[in-house]
Amino acid sequence: MLSIRDCLDYCDLTDDEVALVAEHVGIPDGAAAQVVCGMVQTPEGVLMLTTYMQDLIERATERGDLERAERAKSVCARFMADHPLPH
């Protein structure tokens, strides 16, 4: 049986990326890890995950939580570098 860490390593995802998605959809990190590993396998899933992260950046900025927005931007930038959107 694969652990969550095995799954994240296989999908080339970080704990921070999963945590942002978990926050966006309101589910525990463990459940988010399973969902994200599946989503990252398709261009549509990568686009949706990128959108989730960008939504969190926007919400944090609107709340004035600039530290959180910067952290989310950093995580999103790494995700986009590792999982570029198809053109």
PDB file of N, CA and C in Angstrom:
ATOM      1  N   MET A   1       0.839  -1.174   0.000  1.00  0.00           N
ATOM      2  CA  MET A   1       0.000   0.000   0.000  1.00  0.00           C
ATOM      3  C   MET A   1       0.889   1.245   0.000  1.00  0.00           C
ATOM      4  N   LEU A   2       0.546   2.202  -0.836  1.00  0.00           N
ATOM      5  CA  LEU A   2       1.315   3.438  -0.917  1.00  0.00           C
ATOM      6  C   LEU A   2       0.906   4.402   0.191  1.00  0.00           C
ATOM      7  N   SER A   3       1.895   5.085   0.735  1.00  0.00           N
ATOM      8  CA  SER A   3       1.603   6.131   1.711  1.00  0.00           C
ATOM      9  C   SER A   3       1.288   7.420   0.954  1.00  0.00           C
ATOM     10  N   ILE A   4       0.787   8.396   1.672  1.00  0.00           N
ATOM     11  CA  ILE A   4       0.529   9.698   1.052  1.00  0.00           C
ATOM     12  C   ILE A   4       1.833  10.288   0.529  1.00  0.00           C
ATOM     13  N   ARG A   5       2.918  10.122   1.275  1.00  0.00           N
ATOM     14  CA  ARG A   5       4.226  10.637   0.831  1.00  0.00           C
ATOM     15  C   ARG A   5       4.633   9.974  -0.476  1.00  0.00           C
ATOM     16  N   ASP A   6       4.429   8.663  -0.602  1.00  0.00           N
ATOM     17  CA  ASP A   6       4.740   7.958  -1.851  1.00  0.00           C
ATOM     18  C   ASP A   6       3.938   8.545  -3.006  1.00  0.00           C
ATOM     19  N   CYS A   7       2.681   8.785  -2.752  1.00  0.00           N
ATOM     20  CA  CYS A   7       1.789   9.346  -3.774  1.00  0.00           C
ATOM     21  C   CYS A   7       2.270  10.723  -4.210  1.00  0.00           C
ATOM     22  N   LEU A   8       2.594  11.583  -3.240  1.00  0.00           N
ATOM     23  CA  LEU A   8       3.049  12.942  -3.568  1.00  0.00           C
ATOM     24  C   LEU A   8       4.373  12.915  -4.314  1.00  0.00           C
ATOM     25  N   ASP A   9       5.272  12.039  -3.890  1.00  0.00           N
ATOM     26  CA  ASP A   9       6.557  11.932  -4.581  1.00  0.00           C
ATOM     27  C   ASP A   9       6.360  11.453  -6.019  1.00  0.00           C
ATOM     28  N   TYR A  10       5.484  10.491  -6.206  1.00  0.00           N
ATOM     29  CA  TYR A  10       5.198   9.970  -7.549  1.00  0.00           C
ATOM     30  C   TYR A  10       4.631  11.053  -8.460  1.00  0.00           C
ATOM     31  N   CYS A  11       3.766  11.885  -7.903  1.00  0.00           N
ATOM     32  CA  CYS A  11       3.111  12.939  -8.691  1.00  0.00           C
ATOM     33  C   CYS A  11       3.916  14.231  -8.739  1.00  0.00           C
ATOM     34  N   ASP A  12       5.067  14.263  -8.072  1.00  0.00           N
ATOM     35  CA  ASP A  12       5.910  15.449  -7.998  1.00  0.00           C
ATOM     36  C   ASP A  12       5.151  16.634  -7.410  1.00  0.00           C
ATOM     37  N   LEU A  13       4.540  16.396  -6.245  1.00  0.00           N
ATOM     38  CA  LEU A  13       3.793  17.429  -5.539  1.00  0.00           C
ATOM     39  C   LEU A  13       4.409  17.665  -4.168  1.00  0.00           C
ATOM     40  N   THR A  14       4.209  18.857  -3.657  1.00  0.00           N
ATOM     41  CA  THR A  14       4.705  19.185  -2.324  1.00  0.00           C
ATOM     42  C   THR A  14       3.553  19.215  -1.329  1.00  0.00           C
ATOM     43  N   ASP A  15       3.903  19.123  -0.074  1.00  0.00           N
ATOM     44  CA  ASP A  15       2.901  19.234   0.987  1.00  0.00           C
ATOM     45  C   ASP A  15       2.202  20.590   0.918  1.00  0.00           C
ATOM     46  N   ASP A  16       2.947  21.643   0.595  1.00  0.00           N
ATOM     47  CA  ASP A  16       2.367  22.985   0.513  1.00  0.00           C
ATOM     48  C   ASP A  16       1.332  23.080  -0.609  1.00  0.00           C
ATOM     49  N   GLU A  17       1.613  22.456  -1.738  1.00  0.00           N
ATOM     50  CA  GLU A  17       0.654  22.473  -2.852  1.00  0.00           C
ATOM     51  C   GLU A  17      -0.637  21.770  -2.451  1.00  0.00           C
ATOM     52  N   VAL A  18      -0.493  20.633  -1.816  1.00  0.00           N
ATOM     53  CA  VAL A  18      -1.668  19.882  -1.362  1.00  0.00           C
ATOM     54  C   VAL A  18      -2.434  20.686  -0.309  1.00  0.00           C
ATOM     55  N   ALA A  19      -1.718  21.334   0.590  1.00  0.00           N
ATOM     56  CA  ALA A  19      -2.370  22.121   1.642  1.00  0.00           C
ATOM     57  C   ALA A  19      -3.191  23.262   1.054  1.00  0.00           C
ATOM     58  N   LEU A  20      -2.690  23.906   0.003  1.00  0.00           N
ATOM     59  CA  LEU A  20      -3.456  24.984  -0.636  1.00  0.00           C
ATOM     60  C   LEU A  20      -4.736  24.451  -1.251  1.00  0.00           C
ATOM     61  N   VAL A  21      -4.648  23.317  -1.921  1.00  0.00           N
ATOM     62  CA  VAL A  21      -5.843  22.732  -2.528  1.00  0.00           C
ATOM     63  C   VAL A  21      -6.815  22.292  -1.433  1.00  0.00           C
ATOM     64  N   ALA A  22      -6.306  21.694  -0.376  1.00  0.00           N
ATOM     65  CA  ALA A  22      -7.162  21.274   0.732  1.00  0.00           C
ATOM     66  C   ALA A  22      -7.902  22.475   1.316  1.00  0.00           C
ATOM     67  N   GLU A  23      -7.194  23.576   1.457  1.00  0.00           N
ATOM     68  CA  GLU A  23      -7.813  24.801   1.971  1.00  0.00           C
ATOM     69  C   GLU A  23      -8.886  25.300   1.009  1.00  0.00           C
ATOM     70  N   HIS A  24      -8.588  25.280  -0.266  1.00  0.00           N
ATOM     71  CA  HIS A  24      -9.528  25.796  -1.261  1.00  0.00           C
ATOM     72  C   HIS A  24     -10.832  25.008  -1.283  1.00  0.00           C
ATOM     73  N   VAL A  25     -10.736  23.695  -1.235  1.00  0.00           N
ATOM     74  CA  VAL A  25     -11.944  22.870  -1.337  1.00  0.00           C
ATOM     75  C   VAL A  25     -12.503  22.456   0.023  1.00  0.00           C
ATOM     76  N   GLY A  26     -11.779  22.756   1.099  1.00  0.00           N
ATOM     77  CA  GLY A  26     -12.284  22.494   2.437  1.00  0.00           C
ATOM     78  C   GLY A  26     -12.291  21.024   2.830  1.00  0.00           C
ATOM     79  N   ILE A  27     -11.221  20.315   2.477  1.00  0.00           N
ATOM     80  CA  ILE A  27     -11.100  18.910   2.867  1.00  0.00           C
ATOM     81  C   ILE A  27      -9.753  18.700   3.559  1.00  0.00           C
ATOM     82  N   PRO A  28      -9.612  17.605   4.300  1.00  0.00           N
ATOM     83  CA  PRO A  28      -8.331  17.334   4.974  1.00  0.00           C
ATOM     84  C   PRO A  28      -7.198  17.122   3.967  1.00  0.00           C
ATOM     85  N   ASP A  29      -5.983  17.381   4.412  1.00  0.00           N
ATOM     86  CA  ASP A  29      -4.818  17.242   3.541  1.00  0.00           C
ATOM     87  C   ASP A  29      -4.687  15.838   2.948  1.00  0.00           C
ATOM     88  N   GLY A  30      -4.967  14.811   3.735  1.00  0.00           N
ATOM     89  CA  GLY A  30      -4.851  13.445   3.242  1.00  0.00           C
ATOM     90  C   GLY A  30      -5.787  13.168   2.078  1.00  0.00           C
ATOM     91  N   ALA A  31      -7.015  13.630   2.197  1.00  0.00           N
ATOM     92  CA  ALA A  31      -7.978  13.459   1.112  1.00  0.00           C
ATOM     93  C   ALA A  31      -7.564  14.294  -0.098  1.00  0.00           C
ATOM     94  N   ALA A  32      -7.081  15.508   0.160  1.00  0.00           N
ATOM     95  CA  ALA A  32      -6.643  16.377  -0.932  1.00  0.00           C
ATOM     96  C   ALA A  32      -5.472  15.750  -1.685  1.00  0.00           C
ATOM     97  N   ALA A  33      -4.575  15.099  -0.976  1.00  0.00           N
ATOM     98  CA  ALA A  33      -3.421  14.466  -1.620  1.00  0.00           C
ATOM     99  C   ALA A  33      -3.875  13.432  -2.638  1.00  0.00           C
ATOM    100  N   GLN A  34      -4.858  12.644  -2.276  1.00  0.00           N
ATOM    101  CA  GLN A  34      -5.357  11.624  -3.191  1.00  0.00           C
ATOM    102  C   GLN A  34      -6.017  12.253  -4.414  1.00  0.00           C
ATOM    103  N   VAL A  35      -6.806  13.291  -4.187  1.00  0.00           N
ATOM    104  CA  VAL A  35      -7.500  13.961  -5.287  1.00  0.00           C
ATOM    105  C   VAL A  35      -6.499  14.654  -6.211  1.00  0.00           C
ATOM    106  N   VAL A  36      -5.561  15.374  -5.619  1.00  0.00           N
ATOM    107  CA  VAL A  36      -4.583  16.143  -6.394  1.00  0.00           C
ATOM    108  C   VAL A  36      -3.709  15.218  -7.248  1.00  0.00           C
ATOM    109  N   CYS A  37      -3.327  14.076  -6.696  1.00  0.00           N
ATOM    110  CA  CYS A  37      -2.505  13.129  -7.465  1.00  0.00           C
ATOM    111  C   CYS A  37      -3.217  12.682  -8.725  1.00  0.00           C
ATOM    112  N   GLY A  38      -4.514  12.521  -8.650  1.00  0.00           N
ATOM    113  CA  GLY A  38      -5.275  12.167  -9.843  1.00  0.00           C
ATOM    114  C   GLY A  38      -5.416  13.339 -10.791  1.00  0.00           C
ATOM    115  N   MET A  39      -5.696  14.510 -10.253  1.00  0.00           N
ATOM    116  CA  MET A  39      -5.917  15.696 -11.089  1.00  0.00           C
ATOM    117  C   MET A  39      -4.679  16.092 -11.872  1.00  0.00           C
ATOM    118  N   VAL A  40      -3.514  15.949 -11.258  1.00  0.00           N
ATOM    119  CA  VAL A  40      -2.283  16.416 -11.883  1.00  0.00           C
ATOM    120  C   VAL A  40      -1.901  15.562 -13.104  1.00  0.00           C
ATOM    121  N   GLN A  41      -2.598  14.471 -13.319  1.00  0.00           N
ATOM    122  CA  GLN A  41      -2.295  13.574 -14.432  1.00  0.00           C
ATOM    123  C   GLN A  41      -2.897  14.044 -15.757  1.00  0.00           C
ATOM    124  N   THR A  42      -3.774  15.052 -15.722  1.00  0.00           N
ATOM    125  CA  THR A  42      -4.409  15.536 -16.952  1.00  0.00           C
ATOM    126  C   THR A  42      -4.211  17.040 -17.106  1.00  0.00           C
ATOM    127  N   PRO A  43      -4.186  17.534 -18.334  1.00  0.00           N
ATOM    128  CA  PRO A  43      -4.073  18.992 -18.536  1.00  0.00           C
ATOM    129  C   PRO A  43      -5.231  19.756 -17.882  1.00  0.00           C
ATOM    130  N   GLU A  44      -6.422  19.191 -17.935  1.00  0.00           N
ATOM    131  CA  GLU A  44      -7.582  19.850 -17.328  1.00  0.00           C
ATOM    132  C   GLU A  44      -7.429  19.928 -15.811  1.00  0.00           C
ATOM    133  N   GLY A  45      -6.893  18.873 -15.230  1.00  0.00           N
ATOM    134  CA  GLY A  45      -6.663  18.860 -13.796  1.00  0.00           C
ATOM    135  C   GLY A  45      -5.608  19.863 -13.378  1.00  0.00           C
ATOM    136  N   VAL A  46      -4.533  19.951 -14.152  1.00  0.00           N
ATOM    137  CA  VAL A  46      -3.475  20.934 -13.862  1.00  0.00           C
ATOM    138  C   VAL A  46      -4.046  22.348 -13.938  1.00  0.00           C
ATOM    139  N   LEU A  47      -4.875  22.603 -14.944  1.00  0.00           N
ATOM    140  CA  LEU A  47      -5.501  23.922 -15.078  1.00  0.00           C
ATOM    141  C   LEU A  47      -6.393  24.218 -13.871  1.00  0.00           C
ATOM    142  N   MET A  48      -7.162  23.239 -13.443  1.00  0.00           N
ATOM    143  CA  MET A  48      -8.049  23.435 -12.300  1.00  0.00           C
ATOM    144  C   MET A  48      -7.244  23.681 -11.021  1.00  0.00           C
ATOM    145  N   LEU A  49      -6.182  22.924 -10.813  1.00  0.00           N
ATOM    146  CA  LEU A  49      -5.351  23.113  -9.626  1.00  0.00           C
ATOM    147  C   LEU A  49      -4.701  24.490  -9.628  1.00  0.00           C
ATOM    148  N   THR A  50      -4.234  24.921 -10.787  1.00  0.00           N
ATOM    149  CA  THR A  50      -3.645  26.258 -10.898  1.00  0.00           C
ATOM    150  C   THR A  50      -4.690  27.319 -10.557  1.00  0.00           C
ATOM    151  N   THR A  51      -5.901  27.142 -11.042  1.00  0.00           N
ATOM    152  CA  THR A  51      -6.992  28.077 -10.757  1.00  0.00           C
ATOM    153  C   THR A  51      -7.303  28.117  -9.264  1.00  0.00           C
ATOM    154  N   TYR A  52      -7.322  26.953  -8.613  1.00  0.00           N
ATOM    155  CA  TYR A  52      -7.559  26.909  -7.165  1.00  0.00           C
ATOM    156  C   TYR A  52      -6.515  27.747  -6.436  1.00  0.00           C
ATOM    157  N   MET A  53      -5.264  27.558  -6.806  1.00  0.00           N
ATOM    158  CA  MET A  53      -4.187  28.278  -6.133  1.00  0.00           C
ATOM    159  C   MET A  53      -4.281  29.775  -6.389  1.00  0.00           C
ATOM    160  N   GLN A  54      -4.598  30.150  -7.609  1.00  0.00           N
ATOM    161  CA  GLN A  54      -4.730  31.565  -7.933  1.00  0.00           C
ATOM    162  C   GLN A  54      -5.917  32.190  -7.201  1.00  0.00           C
ATOM    163  N   ASP A  55      -6.997  31.422  -7.016  1.00  0.00           N
ATOM    164  CA  ASP A  55      -8.141  31.906  -6.235  1.00  0.00           C
ATOM    165  C   ASP A  55      -7.728  32.212  -4.798  1.00  0.00           C
ATOM    166  N   LEU A  56      -6.918  31.329  -4.214  1.00  0.00           N
ATOM    167  CA  LEU A  56      -6.465  31.553  -2.843  1.00  0.00           C
ATOM    168  C   LEU A  56      -5.580  32.788  -2.739  1.00  0.00           C
ATOM    169  N   ILE A  57      -4.747  33.016  -3.742  1.00  0.00           N
ATOM    170  CA  ILE A  57      -3.909  34.220  -3.760  1.00  0.00           C
ATOM    171  C   ILE A  57      -4.797  35.454  -3.782  1.00  0.00           C
ATOM    172  N   GLU A  58      -5.798  35.427  -4.640  1.00  0.00           N
ATOM    173  CA  GLU A  58      -6.712  36.572  -4.773  1.00  0.00           C
ATOM    174  C   GLU A  58      -7.484  36.818  -3.472  1.00  0.00           C
ATOM    175  N   ARG A  59      -7.984  35.761  -2.877  1.00  0.00           N
ATOM    176  CA  ARG A  59      -8.736  35.912  -1.616  1.00  0.00           C
ATOM    177  C   ARG A  59      -7.854  36.478  -0.504  1.00  0.00           C
ATOM    178  N   ALA A  60      -6.636  35.968  -0.391  1.00  0.00           N
ATOM    179  CA  ALA A  60      -5.725  36.459   0.647  1.00  0.00           C
ATOM    180  C   ALA A  60      -5.398  37.931   0.417  1.00  0.00           C
ATOM    181  N   THR A  61      -5.190  38.301  -0.835  1.00  0.00           N
ATOM    182  CA  THR A  61      -4.894  39.696  -1.166  1.00  0.00           C
ATOM    183  C   THR A  61      -6.080  40.592  -0.816  1.00  0.00           C
ATOM    184  N   GLU A  62      -7.284  40.142  -1.158  1.00  0.00           N
ATOM    185  CA  GLU A  62      -8.486  40.930  -0.858  1.00  0.00           C
ATOM    186  C   GLU A  62      -8.685  41.117   0.646  1.00  0.00           C
ATOM    187  N   ARG A  63      -8.311  40.103   1.444  1.00  0.00           N
ATOM    188  CA  ARG A  63      -8.415  40.186   2.902  1.00  0.00           C
ATOM    189  C   ARG A  63      -7.302  41.031   3.510  1.00  0.00           C
ATOM    190  N   GLY A  64      -6.295  41.342   2.704  1.00  0.00           N
ATOM    191  CA  GLY A  64      -5.157  42.090   3.228  1.00  0.00           C
ATOM    192  C   GLY A  64      -4.134  41.199   3.903  1.00  0.00           C
ATOM    193  N   ASP A  65      -4.247  39.900   3.715  1.00  0.00           N
ATOM    194  CA  ASP A  65      -3.304  38.948   4.296  1.00  0.00           C
ATOM    195  C   ASP A  65      -2.163  38.746   3.292  1.00  0.00           C
ATOM    196  N   LEU A  66      -1.297  39.756   3.222  1.00  0.00           N
ATOM    197  CA  LEU A  66      -0.261  39.765   2.201  1.00  0.00           C
ATOM    198  C   LEU A  66       0.784  38.677   2.417  1.00  0.00           C
ATOM    199  N   GLU A  67       1.054  38.316   3.667  1.00  0.00           N
ATOM    200  CA  GLU A  67       2.006  37.239   3.934  1.00  0.00           C
ATOM    201  C   GLU A  67       1.475  35.920   3.369  1.00  0.00           C
ATOM    202  N   ARG A  68       0.210  35.663   3.596  1.00  0.00           N
ATOM    203  CA  ARG A  68      -0.411  34.434   3.070  1.00  0.00           C
ATOM    204  C   ARG A  68      -0.448  34.471   1.543  1.00  0.00           C
ATOM    205  N   ALA A  69      -0.755  35.611   0.977  1.00  0.00           N
ATOM    206  CA  ALA A  69      -0.803  35.742  -0.482  1.00  0.00           C
ATOM    207  C   ALA A  69       0.575  35.473  -1.086  1.00  0.00           C
ATOM    208  N   GLU A  70       1.621  35.994  -0.475  1.00  0.00           N
ATOM    209  CA  GLU A  70       2.976  35.778  -0.987  1.00  0.00           C
ATOM    210  C   GLU A  70       3.378  34.313  -0.894  1.00  0.00           C
ATOM    211  N   ARG A  71       3.012  33.673   0.212  1.00  0.00           N
ATOM    212  CA  ARG A  71       3.312  32.247   0.371  1.00  0.00           C
ATOM    213  C   ARG A  71       2.582  31.437  -0.700  1.00  0.00           C
ATOM    214  N   ALA A  72       1.312  31.753  -0.920  1.00  0.00           N
ATOM    215  CA  ALA A  72       0.528  31.047  -1.940  1.00  0.00           C
ATOM    216  C   ALA A  72       1.092  31.309  -3.339  1.00  0.00           C
ATOM    217  N   LYS A  73       1.559  32.522  -3.591  1.00  0.00           N
ATOM    218  CA  LYS A  73       2.174  32.835  -4.894  1.00  0.00           C
ATOM    219  C   LYS A  73       3.412  31.986  -5.116  1.00  0.00           C
ATOM    220  N   SER A  74       4.208  31.840  -4.081  1.00  0.00           N
ATOM    221  CA  SER A  74       5.427  31.046  -4.177  1.00  0.00           C
ATOM    222  C   SER A  74       5.097  29.582  -4.463  1.00  0.00           C
ATOM    223  N   VAL A  75       4.129  29.048  -3.755  1.00  0.00           N
ATOM    224  CA  VAL A  75       3.718  27.652  -3.963  1.00  0.00           C
ATOM    225  C   VAL A  75       3.149  27.480  -5.372  1.00  0.00           C
ATOM    226  N   CYS A  76       2.321  28.416  -5.797  1.00  0.00           N
ATOM    227  CA  CYS A  76       1.712  28.348  -7.127  1.00  0.00           C
ATOM    228  C   CYS A  76       2.781  28.436  -8.220  1.00  0.00           C
ATOM    229  N   ALA A  77       3.761  29.293  -8.035  1.00  0.00           N
ATOM    230  CA  ALA A  77       4.828  29.434  -9.032  1.00  0.00           C
ATOM    231  C   ALA A  77       5.615  28.132  -9.170  1.00  0.00           C
ATOM    232  N   ARG A  78       5.906  27.483  -8.052  1.00  0.00           N
ATOM    233  CA  ARG A  78       6.615  26.207  -8.112  1.00  0.00           C
ATOM    234  C   ARG A  78       5.767  25.164  -8.818  1.00  0.00           C
ATOM    235  N   PHE A  79       4.473  25.112  -8.474  1.00  0.00           N
ATOM    236  CA  PHE A  79       3.567  24.157  -9.108  1.00  0.00           C
ATOM    237  C   PHE A  79       3.531  24.377 -10.616  1.00  0.00           C
ATOM    238  N   MET A  80       3.410  25.629 -11.038  1.00  0.00           N
ATOM    239  CA  MET A  80       3.329  25.941 -12.469  1.00  0.00           C
ATOM    240  C   MET A  80       4.636  25.616 -13.186  1.00  0.00           C
ATOM    241  N   ALA A  81       5.758  25.771 -12.508  1.00  0.00           N
ATOM    242  CA  ALA A  81       7.048  25.420 -13.107  1.00  0.00           C
ATOM    243  C   ALA A  81       7.165  23.909 -13.290  1.00  0.00           C
ATOM    244  N   ASP A  82       6.673  23.164 -12.317  1.00  0.00           N
ATOM    245  CA  ASP A  82       6.758  21.708 -12.370  1.00  0.00           C
ATOM    246  C   ASP A  82       5.683  21.082 -13.259  1.00  0.00           C
ATOM    247  N   HIS A  83       4.562  21.773 -13.397  1.00  0.00           N
ATOM    248  CA  HIS A  83       3.410  21.260 -14.152  1.00  0.00           C
ATOM    249  C   HIS A  83       2.901  22.352 -15.088  1.00  0.00           C
ATOM    250  N   PRO A  84       3.672  22.656 -16.149  1.00  0.00           N
ATOM    251  CA  PRO A  84       3.267  23.738 -17.042  1.00  0.00           C
ATOM    252  C   PRO A  84       1.964  23.413 -17.762  1.00  0.00           C
ATOM    253  N   LEU A  85       1.185  24.453 -17.982  1.00  0.00           N
ATOM    254  CA  LEU A  85      -0.070  24.296 -18.716  1.00  0.00           C
ATOM    255  C   LEU A  85       0.230  24.099 -20.198  1.00  0.00           C
ATOM    256  N   PRO A  86      -0.514  23.223 -20.843  1.00  0.00           N
ATOM    257  CA  PRO A  86      -0.304  23.040 -22.283  1.00  0.00           C
ATOM    258  C   PRO A  86      -0.748  24.280 -23.046  1.00  0.00           C
ATOM    259  N   HIS A  87      -0.145  24.512 -24.158  1.00  0.00           N
ATOM    260  CA  HIS A  87      -0.488  25.706 -24.966  1.00  0.00           C
ATOM    261  C   HIS A  87      -1.462  25.336 -26.041  1.00  0.00           C
TER     262      HIS A  87
END
